[in-house]
Amino acid sequence: MSRVLLLGGTGFVGSHLCEKLTRQGWQVTVATRRAANASRIQMLPGLQVAVADVHDPAALERLLAGHDAVVNLIAILHGDEASFAKAHVALPQALARACVASGVRRLVHISALGVDDRQPEAAPSLYLRSKARGEAVLKDAAQASALALSVLRPSVIFGDGDQFLNLFARLQRVFPFMPLAGAQARFQPVWVEDVAGAVLSCLNEPATIGLTYNAVGPDILTLKQLVQLAAQAAGVNAGRGRPVLALPNALGRLQAWLMEWAPGEPLMSRDNLDSMKVDNVAHDGLPGLTDLGLAPASVWAVAPTYLGRSHHHGTLQQLRQVARR
């Protein structure tokens, strides 16, 4: 029976992936800094929680021992240059070294749509530059050490429990209109179950080794359209949603700057806006989910199935709880 180590397995994508892996009979180890973070998944059959600091190279090597594969899901959306470098560059570099030292060759890495690992410095944001450097580090390691690497580049990920469409729906339950920075930025949103399925396909299919896949859905929508979709699917204002006010660039950056100073995780940052200067759509000719045997789901079909049953009495207290996470 195959054993896989998940880094970032307690997060949104990780929890969905854990369910798929355990259903297929994989033995799963989820590394986490705090055991409480794994409360949603710890009862899954064949799953073990390991408390460890994955940024410690020695701890990584100990975690990898006895496994057949590793999946790296760790990413951050907000932070300074040092934070992005630690999560997106230093960790993949340490992981590649630990794989070589422990004899674990198979690695699936979750990157991001819009990344160009050949020209990392050309990206407009800290986030995209760091993700590109992390990809480049792993691909260099794969060439140097026969690391069996597969890379997935997802667009924005939606699904039950997301902090994307759910957040926009909550905001519109509270506010009479939506001031929105980056309203015309384009995305190709992908269902979390499809991303998890893509990881599973990579682990199961040796033919995916050495390849990079775009993980995107079938729909291309602007951020404004996604905000409107969230409200409609959640039944906000009898399904009409709220008026969306697209902010000019200067006001949008001011809004993002103010959000950076709010308590908890920012709803949006200036670096997020910089990332949106590049359309988050697949246009580079790389293989996609259909090449992994998946038929990606439409956001129009999936979003109403979970937003429609969500809370009908959004409050400011709910927003404060989201901000603290």
Foldseek 3Di string as FASTA:
>chain_A
DAEEEEEVLLDDLNQLLLVVCVVVPYQYEYEDQDPVSNVSPPPRPNYHYDHDDLLDLVRLLVVCAPHQEYEYPFADDDDDLVVLLSGQASSLLSNLVSCLVRVHQHYEYEAAFPADLVCLVVAQFSNNSSSSNSVVSNLVSCVVRVRQYAYEHEWAEDAAPDCQLLVLQLVQLEDQEAEDEQQFQKTQYFYSNLVSLLVVLSVVDSVRGPAYAYEGAPDIDGNNVSSLLSNLLLCRPNSRTHHYHYDPPVVNQVVQPVQVPDAADRPHHVSNSSNSVDRRDDDPPGHYSVVSVDHTDDCNVRSSVRSNPDDPNRDVVVVVVVRND
